[in-house]
Amino acid sequence: MSKRKMPVVVKIAMLAFLLYAVVTIVRLQSQIADKRAELDSLTQQVQEYQEANEQLRQEMQNGITEEDISELARTELSYAEPGERVFVDTSSR
């Protein structure tokens, strides 16, 4: 029996394919790691939003108090009680 040698071109082609496959696998592993990190971040954000939603849901069930309305008027709308003076620090602008 005589052993037939593989042509050099076939060996080079196989080596090139093997190298391509290894590079592709390494690149895909890197992309998978990036996507897992992104998924973890998004999962954390979802959990934070769910907790905020639950807190808002509980606040809605408990109703809003006069104190809550007053606080919102002061902070969001810059309202003040009658006779109250509000000072604004403009030095940081």
PDB file of N, CA and C in Angstrom:
ATOM      1  N   MET A   1       0.825  -1.174   0.000  1.00  0.00           N
ATOM      2  CA  MET A   1       0.000   0.000   0.000  1.00  0.00           C
ATOM      3  C   MET A   1       0.871   1.240   0.000  1.00  0.00           C
ATOM      4  N   SER A   2       0.537   2.146  -0.839  1.00  0.00           N
ATOM      5  CA  SER A   2       1.295   3.384  -0.883  1.00  0.00           C
ATOM      6  C   SER A   2       0.437   4.489  -0.284  1.00  0.00           C
ATOM      7  N   LYS A   3       1.083   5.296   0.499  1.00  0.00           N
ATOM      8  CA  LYS A   3       0.366   6.406   1.122  1.00  0.00           C
ATOM      9  C   LYS A   3       0.398   7.576   0.154  1.00  0.00           C
ATOM     10  N   ARG A   4      -0.750   8.140  -0.018  1.00  0.00           N
ATOM     11  CA  ARG A   4      -0.809   9.311  -0.893  1.00  0.00           C
ATOM     12  C   ARG A   4      -0.679  10.553  -0.031  1.00  0.00           C
ATOM     13  N   LYS A   5       0.118  11.472  -0.459  1.00  0.00           N
ATOM     14  CA  LYS A   5       0.298  12.720   0.272  1.00  0.00           C
ATOM     15  C   LYS A   5      -0.779  13.705  -0.160  1.00  0.00           C
ATOM     16  N   MET A   6      -1.194  14.507   0.824  1.00  0.00           N
ATOM     17  CA  MET A   6      -2.160  15.559   0.534  1.00  0.00           C
ATOM     18  C   MET A   6      -1.447  16.677  -0.199  1.00  0.00           C
ATOM     19  N   PRO A   7      -2.076  17.221  -1.198  1.00  0.00           N
ATOM     20  CA  PRO A   7      -1.448  18.351  -1.888  1.00  0.00           C
ATOM     21  C   PRO A   7      -1.273  19.529  -0.929  1.00  0.00           C
ATOM     22  N   VAL A   8      -0.270  20.318  -1.174  1.00  0.00           N
ATOM     23  CA  VAL A   8       0.054  21.463  -0.324  1.00  0.00           C
ATOM     24  C   VAL A   8      -1.104  22.468  -0.315  1.00  0.00           C
ATOM     25  N   VAL A   9      -1.753  22.641  -1.430  1.00  0.00           N
ATOM     26  CA  VAL A   9      -2.868  23.582  -1.524  1.00  0.00           C
ATOM     27  C   VAL A   9      -3.987  23.179  -0.567  1.00  0.00           C
ATOM     28  N   VAL A  10      -4.274  21.892  -0.471  1.00  0.00           N
ATOM     29  CA  VAL A  10      -5.323  21.408   0.419  1.00  0.00           C
ATOM     30  C   VAL A  10      -4.923  21.650   1.872  1.00  0.00           C
ATOM     31  N   LYS A  11      -3.661  21.409   2.190  1.00  0.00           N
ATOM     32  CA  LYS A  11      -3.177  21.650   3.555  1.00  0.00           C
ATOM     33  C   LYS A  11      -3.307  23.133   3.915  1.00  0.00           C
ATOM     34  N   ILE A  12      -2.929  23.998   2.987  1.00  0.00           N
ATOM     35  CA  ILE A  12      -3.021  25.440   3.244  1.00  0.00           C
ATOM     36  C   ILE A  12      -4.480  25.859   3.407  1.00  0.00           C
ATOM     37  N   ALA A  13      -5.357  25.307   2.574  1.00  0.00           N
ATOM     38  CA  ALA A  13      -6.774  25.629   2.658  1.00  0.00           C
ATOM     39  C   ALA A  13      -7.355  25.165   3.996  1.00  0.00           C
ATOM     40  N   MET A  14      -6.991  23.984   4.442  1.00  0.00           N
ATOM     41  CA  MET A  14      -7.472  23.468   5.726  1.00  0.00           C
ATOM     42  C   MET A  14      -6.950  24.321   6.881  1.00  0.00           C
ATOM     43  N   LEU A  15      -5.695  24.718   6.808  1.00  0.00           N
ATOM     44  CA  LEU A  15      -5.107  25.559   7.850  1.00  0.00           C
ATOM     45  C   LEU A  15      -5.803  26.920   7.885  1.00  0.00           C
ATOM     46  N   ALA A  16      -6.072  27.486   6.713  1.00  0.00           N
ATOM     47  CA  ALA A  16      -6.755  28.785   6.644  1.00  0.00           C
ATOM     48  C   ALA A  16      -8.164  28.670   7.220  1.00  0.00           C
ATOM     49  N   PHE A  17      -8.868  27.589   6.882  1.00  0.00           N
ATOM     50  CA  PHE A  17     -10.211  27.389   7.417  1.00  0.00           C
ATOM     51  C   PHE A  17     -10.179  27.223   8.929  1.00  0.00           C
ATOM     52  N   LEU A  18      -9.225  26.465   9.432  1.00  0.00           N
ATOM     53  CA  LEU A  18      -9.086  26.257  10.866  1.00  0.00           C
ATOM     54  C   LEU A  18      -8.807  27.578  11.572  1.00  0.00           C
ATOM     55  N   LEU A  19      -7.917  28.378  11.016  1.00  0.00           N
ATOM     56  CA  LEU A  19      -7.591  29.675  11.591  1.00  0.00           C
ATOM     57  C   LEU A  19      -8.830  30.582  11.594  1.00  0.00           C
ATOM     58  N   TYR A  20      -9.555  30.585  10.485  1.00  0.00           N
ATOM     59  CA  TYR A  20     -10.787  31.379  10.387  1.00  0.00           C
ATOM     60  C   TYR A  20     -11.789  30.937  11.452  1.00  0.00           C
ATOM     61  N   ALA A  21     -11.956  29.635  11.624  1.00  0.00           N
ATOM     62  CA  ALA A  21     -12.907  29.106  12.599  1.00  0.00           C
ATOM     63  C   ALA A  21     -12.518  29.522  14.017  1.00  0.00           C
ATOM     64  N   VAL A  22     -11.240  29.453  14.341  1.00  0.00           N
ATOM     65  CA  VAL A  22     -10.780  29.825  15.681  1.00  0.00           C
ATOM     66  C   VAL A  22     -11.019  31.312  15.929  1.00  0.00           C
ATOM     67  N   VAL A  23     -10.671  32.144  14.965  1.00  0.00           N
ATOM     68  CA  VAL A  23     -10.866  33.592  15.107  1.00  0.00           C
ATOM     69  C   VAL A  23     -12.353  33.903  15.264  1.00  0.00           C
ATOM     70  N   THR A  24     -13.191  33.253  14.484  1.00  0.00           N
ATOM     71  CA  THR A  24     -14.632  33.483  14.563  1.00  0.00           C
ATOM     72  C   THR A  24     -15.173  33.073  15.925  1.00  0.00           C
ATOM     73  N   ILE A  25     -14.744  31.950  16.434  1.00  0.00           N
ATOM     74  CA  ILE A  25     -15.209  31.478  17.747  1.00  0.00           C
ATOM     75  C   ILE A  25     -14.791  32.444  18.847  1.00  0.00           C
ATOM     76  N   VAL A  26     -13.551  32.910  18.799  1.00  0.00           N
ATOM     77  CA  VAL A  26     -13.067  33.852  19.814  1.00  0.00           C
ATOM     78  C   VAL A  26     -13.876  35.152  19.750  1.00  0.00           C
ATOM     79  N   ARG A  27     -14.127  35.647  18.542  1.00  0.00           N
ATOM     80  CA  ARG A  27     -14.893  36.878  18.375  1.00  0.00           C
ATOM     81  C   ARG A  27     -16.321  36.707  18.883  1.00  0.00           C
ATOM     82  N   LEU A  28     -16.928  35.564  18.582  1.00  0.00           N
ATOM     83  CA  LEU A  28     -18.287  35.304  19.047  1.00  0.00           C
ATOM     84  C   LEU A  28     -18.349  35.192  20.570  1.00  0.00           C
ATOM     85  N   GLN A  29     -17.342  34.583  21.167  1.00  0.00           N
ATOM     86  CA  GLN A  29     -17.297  34.490  22.631  1.00  0.00           C
ATOM     87  C   GLN A  29     -17.229  35.882  23.257  1.00  0.00           C
ATOM     88  N   SER A  30     -16.469  36.756  22.629  1.00  0.00           N
ATOM     89  CA  SER A  30     -16.366  38.136  23.119  1.00  0.00           C
ATOM     90  C   SER A  30     -17.712  38.844  22.995  1.00  0.00           C
ATOM     91  N   GLN A  31     -18.392  38.657  21.882  1.00  0.00           N
ATOM     92  CA  GLN A  31     -19.709  39.263  21.689  1.00  0.00           C
ATOM     93  C   GLN A  31     -20.723  38.714  22.686  1.00  0.00           C
ATOM     94  N   ILE A  32     -20.643  37.423  22.964  1.00  0.00           N
ATOM     95  CA  ILE A  32     -21.544  36.797  23.934  1.00  0.00           C
ATOM     96  C   ILE A  32     -21.322  37.407  25.314  1.00  0.00           C
ATOM     97  N   ALA A  33     -20.061  37.599  25.694  1.00  0.00           N
ATOM     98  CA  ALA A  33     -19.755  38.198  26.995  1.00  0.00           C
ATOM     99  C   ALA A  33     -20.297  39.625  27.071  1.00  0.00           C
ATOM    100  N   ASP A  34     -20.141  40.386  25.994  1.00  0.00           N
ATOM    101  CA  ASP A  34     -20.667  41.754  25.963  1.00  0.00           C
ATOM    102  C   ASP A  34     -22.186  41.757  26.094  1.00  0.00           C
ATOM    103  N   LYS A  35     -22.846  40.873  25.386  1.00  0.00           N
ATOM    104  CA  LYS A  35     -24.309  40.809  25.427  1.00  0.00           C
ATOM    105  C   LYS A  35     -24.805  40.342  26.793  1.00  0.00           C
ATOM    106  N   ARG A  36     -24.068  39.452  27.438  1.00  0.00           N
ATOM    107  CA  ARG A  36     -24.459  39.026  28.789  1.00  0.00           C
ATOM    108  C   ARG A  36     -24.358  40.188  29.769  1.00  0.00           C
ATOM    109  N   ALA A  37     -23.292  40.991  29.645  1.00  0.00           N
ATOM    110  CA  ALA A  37     -23.145  42.163  30.503  1.00  0.00           C
ATOM    111  C   ALA A  37     -24.283  43.153  30.243  1.00  0.00           C
ATOM    112  N   GLU A  38     -24.633  43.329  28.983  1.00  0.00           N
ATOM    113  CA  GLU A  38     -25.737  44.222  28.628  1.00  0.00           C
ATOM    114  C   GLU A  38     -27.051  43.684  29.191  1.00  0.00           C
ATOM    115  N   LEU A  39     -27.246  42.377  29.102  1.00  0.00           N
ATOM    116  CA  LEU A  39     -28.452  41.754  29.647  1.00  0.00           C
ATOM    117  C   LEU A  39     -28.527  41.961  31.157  1.00  0.00           C
ATOM    118  N   ASP A  40     -27.412  41.792  31.846  1.00  0.00           N
ATOM    119  CA  ASP A  40     -27.393  42.003  33.299  1.00  0.00           C
ATOM    120  C   ASP A  40     -27.774  43.438  33.642  1.00  0.00           C
ATOM    121  N   SER A  41     -27.237  44.376  32.883  1.00  0.00           N
ATOM    122  CA  SER A  41     -27.551  45.789  33.111  1.00  0.00           C
ATOM    123  C   SER A  41     -29.031  46.062  32.877  1.00  0.00           C
ATOM    124  N   LEU A  42     -29.563  45.536  31.794  1.00  0.00           N
ATOM    125  CA  LEU A  42     -30.973  45.739  31.483  1.00  0.00           C
ATOM    126  C   LEU A  42     -31.879  45.049  32.505  1.00  0.00           C
ATOM    127  N   THR A  43     -31.463  43.888  32.975  1.00  0.00           N
ATOM    128  CA  THR A  43     -32.233  43.185  33.995  1.00  0.00           C
ATOM    129  C   THR A  43     -32.287  44.010  35.278  1.00  0.00           C
ATOM    130  N   GLN A  44     -31.162  44.630  35.618  1.00  0.00           N
ATOM    131  CA  GLN A  44     -31.112  45.499  36.803  1.00  0.00           C
ATOM    132  C   GLN A  44     -32.049  46.692  36.628  1.00  0.00           C
ATOM    133  N   GLN A  45     -32.052  47.285  35.429  1.00  0.00           N
ATOM    134  CA  GLN A  45     -32.936  48.414  35.167  1.00  0.00           C
ATOM    135  C   GLN A  45     -34.399  47.997  35.260  1.00  0.00           C
ATOM    136  N   VAL A  46     -34.728  46.841  34.724  1.00  0.00           N
ATOM    137  CA  VAL A  46     -36.105  46.342  34.789  1.00  0.00           C
ATOM    138  C   VAL A  46     -36.524  46.179  36.241  1.00  0.00           C
ATOM    139  N   GLN A  47     -35.649  45.620  37.053  1.00  0.00           N
ATOM    140  CA  GLN A  47     -35.960  45.415  38.460  1.00  0.00           C
ATOM    141  C   GLN A  47     -36.190  46.760  39.165  1.00  0.00           C
ATOM    142  N   GLU A  48     -35.344  47.758  38.854  1.00  0.00           N
ATOM    143  CA  GLU A  48     -35.518  49.080  39.461  1.00  0.00           C
ATOM    144  C   GLU A  48     -36.847  49.698  39.039  1.00  0.00           C
ATOM    145  N   TYR A  49     -37.194  49.568  37.759  1.00  0.00           N
ATOM    146  CA  TYR A  49     -38.465  50.116  37.277  1.00  0.00           C
ATOM    147  C   TYR A  49     -39.652  49.393  37.907  1.00  0.00           C
ATOM    148  N   GLN A  50     -39.530  48.087  38.076  1.00  0.00           N
ATOM    149  CA  GLN A  50     -40.624  47.340  38.698  1.00  0.00           C
ATOM    150  C   GLN A  50     -40.818  47.778  40.150  1.00  0.00           C
ATOM    151  N   GLU A  51     -39.706  48.009  40.857  1.00  0.00           N
ATOM    152  CA  GLU A  51     -39.807  48.466  42.241  1.00  0.00           C
ATOM    153  C   GLU A  51     -40.427  49.863  42.303  1.00  0.00           C
ATOM    154  N   ALA A  52     -40.025  50.738  41.384  1.00  0.00           N
ATOM    155  CA  ALA A  52     -40.601  52.089  41.345  1.00  0.00           C
ATOM    156  C   ALA A  52     -42.092  52.019  41.021  1.00  0.00           C
ATOM    157  N   ASN A  53     -42.459  51.153  40.078  1.00  0.00           N
ATOM    158  CA  ASN A  53     -43.878  50.985  39.734  1.00  0.00           C
ATOM    159  C   ASN A  53     -44.680  50.470  40.921  1.00  0.00           C
ATOM    160  N   GLU A  54     -44.101  49.535  41.646  1.00  0.00           N
ATOM    161  CA  GLU A  54     -44.796  48.989  42.817  1.00  0.00           C
ATOM    162  C   GLU A  54     -44.983  50.072  43.873  1.00  0.00           C
ATOM    163  N   GLN A  55     -43.968  50.895  44.070  1.00  0.00           N
ATOM    164  CA  GLN A  55     -44.084  51.981  45.031  1.00  0.00           C
ATOM    165  C   GLN A  55     -45.177  52.969  44.598  1.00  0.00           C
ATOM    166  N   LEU A  56     -45.200  53.303  43.316  1.00  0.00           N
ATOM    167  CA  LEU A  56     -46.242  54.204  42.808  1.00  0.00           C
ATOM    168  C   LEU A  56     -47.624  53.579  42.927  1.00  0.00           C
ATOM    169  N   ARG A  57     -47.705  52.277  42.675  1.00  0.00           N
ATOM    170  CA  ARG A  57     -48.988  51.579  42.791  1.00  0.00           C
ATOM    171  C   ARG A  57     -49.491  51.652  44.233  1.00  0.00           C
ATOM    172  N   GLN A  58     -48.582  51.450  45.192  1.00  0.00           N
ATOM    173  CA  GLN A  58     -48.971  51.524  46.599  1.00  0.00           C
ATOM    174  C   GLN A  58     -49.387  52.943  46.979  1.00  0.00           C
ATOM    175  N   GLU A  59     -48.674  53.940  46.448  1.00  0.00           N
ATOM    176  CA  GLU A  59     -49.043  55.322  46.729  1.00  0.00           C
ATOM    177  C   GLU A  59     -50.426  55.632  46.163  1.00  0.00           C
ATOM    178  N   MET A  60     -50.728  55.096  44.986  1.00  0.00           N
ATOM    179  CA  MET A  60     -52.048  55.320  44.388  1.00  0.00           C
ATOM    180  C   MET A  60     -53.136  54.669  45.238  1.00  0.00           C
ATOM    181  N   GLN A  61     -52.864  53.479  45.760  1.00  0.00           N
ATOM    182  CA  GLN A  61     -53.852  52.784  46.576  1.00  0.00           C
ATOM    183  C   GLN A  61     -54.071  53.509  47.902  1.00  0.00           C
ATOM    184  N   ASN A  62     -53.004  54.068  48.448  1.00  0.00           N
ATOM    185  CA  ASN A  62     -53.103  54.764  49.734  1.00  0.00           C
ATOM    186  C   ASN A  62     -53.718  56.146  49.584  1.00  0.00           C
ATOM    187  N   GLY A  63     -53.728  56.657  48.374  1.00  0.00           N
ATOM    188  CA  GLY A  63     -54.277  57.984  48.139  1.00  0.00           C
ATOM    189  C   GLY A  63     -53.226  59.053  48.387  1.00  0.00           C
ATOM    190  N   ILE A  64     -53.556  60.267  48.013  1.00  0.00           N
ATOM    191  CA  ILE A  64     -52.629  61.375  48.165  1.00  0.00           C
ATOM    192  C   ILE A  64     -53.130  62.267  49.303  1.00  0.00           C
ATOM    193  N   THR A  65     -52.215  62.706  50.125  1.00  0.00           N
ATOM    194  CA  THR A  65     -52.579  63.523  51.275  1.00  0.00           C
ATOM    195  C   THR A  65     -52.375  64.995  50.959  1.00  0.00           C
ATOM    196  N   GLU A  66     -52.906  65.838  51.820  1.00  0.00           N
ATOM    197  CA  GLU A  66     -52.715  67.291  51.680  1.00  0.00           C
ATOM    198  C   GLU A  66     -51.223  67.630  51.730  1.00  0.00           C
ATOM    199  N   GLU A  67     -50.517  66.922  52.575  1.00  0.00           N
ATOM    200  CA  GLU A  67     -49.073  67.150  52.706  1.00  0.00           C
ATOM    201  C   GLU A  67     -48.356  66.808  51.402  1.00  0.00           C
ATOM    202  N   ASP A  68     -48.761  65.716  50.758  1.00  0.00           N
ATOM    203  CA  ASP A  68     -48.163  65.336  49.471  1.00  0.00           C
ATOM    204  C   ASP A  68     -48.437  66.399  48.407  1.00  0.00           C
ATOM    205  N   ILE A  69     -49.666  66.904  48.390  1.00  0.00           N
ATOM    206  CA  ILE A  69     -50.037  67.935  47.420  1.00  0.00           C
ATOM    207  C   ILE A  69     -49.221  69.193  47.656  1.00  0.00           C
ATOM    208  N   SER A  70     -49.088  69.570  48.917  1.00  0.00           N
ATOM    209  CA  SER A  70     -48.317  70.764  49.260  1.00  0.00           C
ATOM    210  C   SER A  70     -46.850  70.608  48.846  1.00  0.00           C
ATOM    211  N   GLU A  71     -46.286  69.445  49.099  1.00  0.00           N
ATOM    212  CA  GLU A  71     -44.880  69.191  48.748  1.00  0.00           C
ATOM    213  C   GLU A  71     -44.683  69.234  47.226  1.00  0.00           C
ATOM    214  N   LEU A  72     -45.594  68.625  46.486  1.00  0.00           N
ATOM    215  CA  LEU A  72     -45.504  68.660  45.024  1.00  0.00           C
ATOM    216  C   LEU A  72     -45.627  70.086  44.496  1.00  0.00           C
ATOM    217  N   ALA A  73     -46.548  70.867  45.074  1.00  0.00           N
ATOM    218  CA  ALA A  73     -46.727  72.252  44.635  1.00  0.00           C
ATOM    219  C   ALA A  73     -45.457  73.060  44.882  1.00  0.00           C
ATOM    220  N   ARG A  74     -44.815  72.827  46.005  1.00  0.00           N
ATOM    221  CA  ARG A  74     -43.583  73.559  46.320  1.00  0.00           C
ATOM    222  C   ARG A  74     -42.428  73.143  45.410  1.00  0.00           C
ATOM    223  N   THR A  75     -42.210  71.845  45.256  1.00  0.00           N
ATOM    224  CA  THR A  75     -41.023  71.376  44.522  1.00  0.00           C
ATOM    225  C   THR A  75     -41.194  71.422  43.017  1.00  0.00           C
ATOM    226  N   GLU A  76     -42.349  71.053  42.529  1.00  0.00           N
ATOM    227  CA  GLU A  76     -42.539  70.956  41.078  1.00  0.00           C
ATOM    228  C   GLU A  76     -43.041  72.252  40.449  1.00  0.00           C
ATOM    229  N   LEU A  77     -43.874  72.980  41.193  1.00  0.00           N
ATOM    230  CA  LEU A  77     -44.516  74.156  40.619  1.00  0.00           C
ATOM    231  C   LEU A  77     -44.005  75.468  41.216  1.00  0.00           C
ATOM    232  N   SER A  78     -43.105  75.379  42.180  1.00  0.00           N
ATOM    233  CA  SER A  78     -42.519  76.557  42.851  1.00  0.00           C
ATOM    234  C   SER A  78     -43.578  77.414  43.532  1.00  0.00           C
ATOM    235  N   TYR A  79     -44.616  76.790  44.073  1.00  0.00           N
ATOM    236  CA  TYR A  79     -45.635  77.522  44.808  1.00  0.00           C
ATOM    237  C   TYR A  79     -45.157  77.740  46.240  1.00  0.00           C
ATOM    238  N   ALA A  80     -45.802  78.688  46.923  1.00  0.00           N
ATOM    239  CA  ALA A  80     -45.491  78.966  48.323  1.00  0.00           C
ATOM    240  C   ALA A  80     -46.796  79.208  49.074  1.00  0.00           C
ATOM    241  N   GLU A  81     -46.741  79.019  50.377  1.00  0.00           N
ATOM    242  CA  GLU A  81     -47.897  79.286  51.230  1.00  0.00           C
ATOM    243  C   GLU A  81     -48.121  80.797  51.294  1.00  0.00           C
ATOM    244  N   PRO A  82     -49.337  81.226  51.539  1.00  0.00           N
ATOM    245  CA  PRO A  82     -49.595  82.667  51.675  1.00  0.00           C
ATOM    246  C   PRO A  82     -48.746  83.253  52.806  1.00  0.00           C
ATOM    247  N   GLY A  83     -48.060  84.348  52.528  1.00  0.00           N
ATOM    248  CA  GLY A  83     -47.212  85.011  53.512  1.00  0.00           C
ATOM    249  C   GLY A  83     -45.829  84.400  53.630  1.00  0.00           C
ATOM    250  N   GLU A  84     -45.569  83.333  52.932  1.00  0.00           N
ATOM    251  CA  GLU A  84     -44.265  82.661  52.998  1.00  0.00           C
ATOM    252  C   GLU A  84     -43.318  83.300  51.987  1.00  0.00           C
ATOM    253  N   ARG A  85     -42.062  83.443  52.377  1.00  0.00           N
ATOM    254  CA  ARG A  85     -41.054  83.979  51.464  1.00  0.00           C
ATOM    255  C   ARG A  85     -40.149  82.838  51.013  1.00  0.00           C
ATOM    256  N   VAL A  86     -39.890  82.824  49.715  1.00  0.00           N
ATOM    257  CA  VAL A  86     -39.021  81.800  49.146  1.00  0.00           C
ATOM    258  C   VAL A  86     -37.788  82.500  48.585  1.00  0.00           C
ATOM    259  N   PHE A  87     -36.641  82.053  49.019  1.00  0.00           N
ATOM    260  CA  PHE A  87     -35.380  82.638  48.534  1.00  0.00           C
ATOM    261  C   PHE A  87     -34.736  81.667  47.559  1.00  0.00           C
ATOM    262  N   VAL A  88     -34.241  82.214  46.445  1.00  0.00           N
ATOM    263  CA  VAL A  88     -33.609  81.409  45.415  1.00  0.00           C
ATOM    264  C   VAL A  88     -32.150  81.792  45.346  1.00  0.00           C
ATOM    265  N   ASP A  89     -31.271  80.830  45.454  1.00  0.00           N
ATOM    266  CA  ASP A  89     -29.836  81.066  45.362  1.00  0.00           C
ATOM    267  C   ASP A  89     -29.449  81.105  43.891  1.00  0.00           C
ATOM    268  N   THR A  90     -29.074  82.279  43.417  1.00  0.00           N
ATOM    269  CA  THR A  90     -28.684  82.427  42.012  1.00  0.00           C
ATOM    270  C   THR A  90     -27.182  82.527  41.833  1.00  0.00           C
ATOM    271  N   SER A  91     -26.433  82.360  42.901  1.00  0.00           N
ATOM    272  CA  SER A  91     -24.983  82.519  42.795  1.00  0.00           C
ATOM    273  C   SER A  91     -24.320  81.365  42.037  1.00  0.00           C
ATOM    274  N   SER A  92     -24.961  80.245  41.954  1.00  0.00           N
ATOM    275  CA  SER A  92     -24.355  79.102  41.264  1.00  0.00           C
ATOM    276  C   SER A  92     -24.631  79.102  39.771  1.00  0.00           C
ATOM    277  N   ARG A  93     -25.352  80.064  39.268  1.00  0.00           N
ATOM    278  CA  ARG A  93     -25.687  80.109  37.849  1.00  0.00           C
ATOM    279  C   ARG A  93     -24.670  80.821  37.060  1.00  0.00           C
TER     280      ARG A  93
END
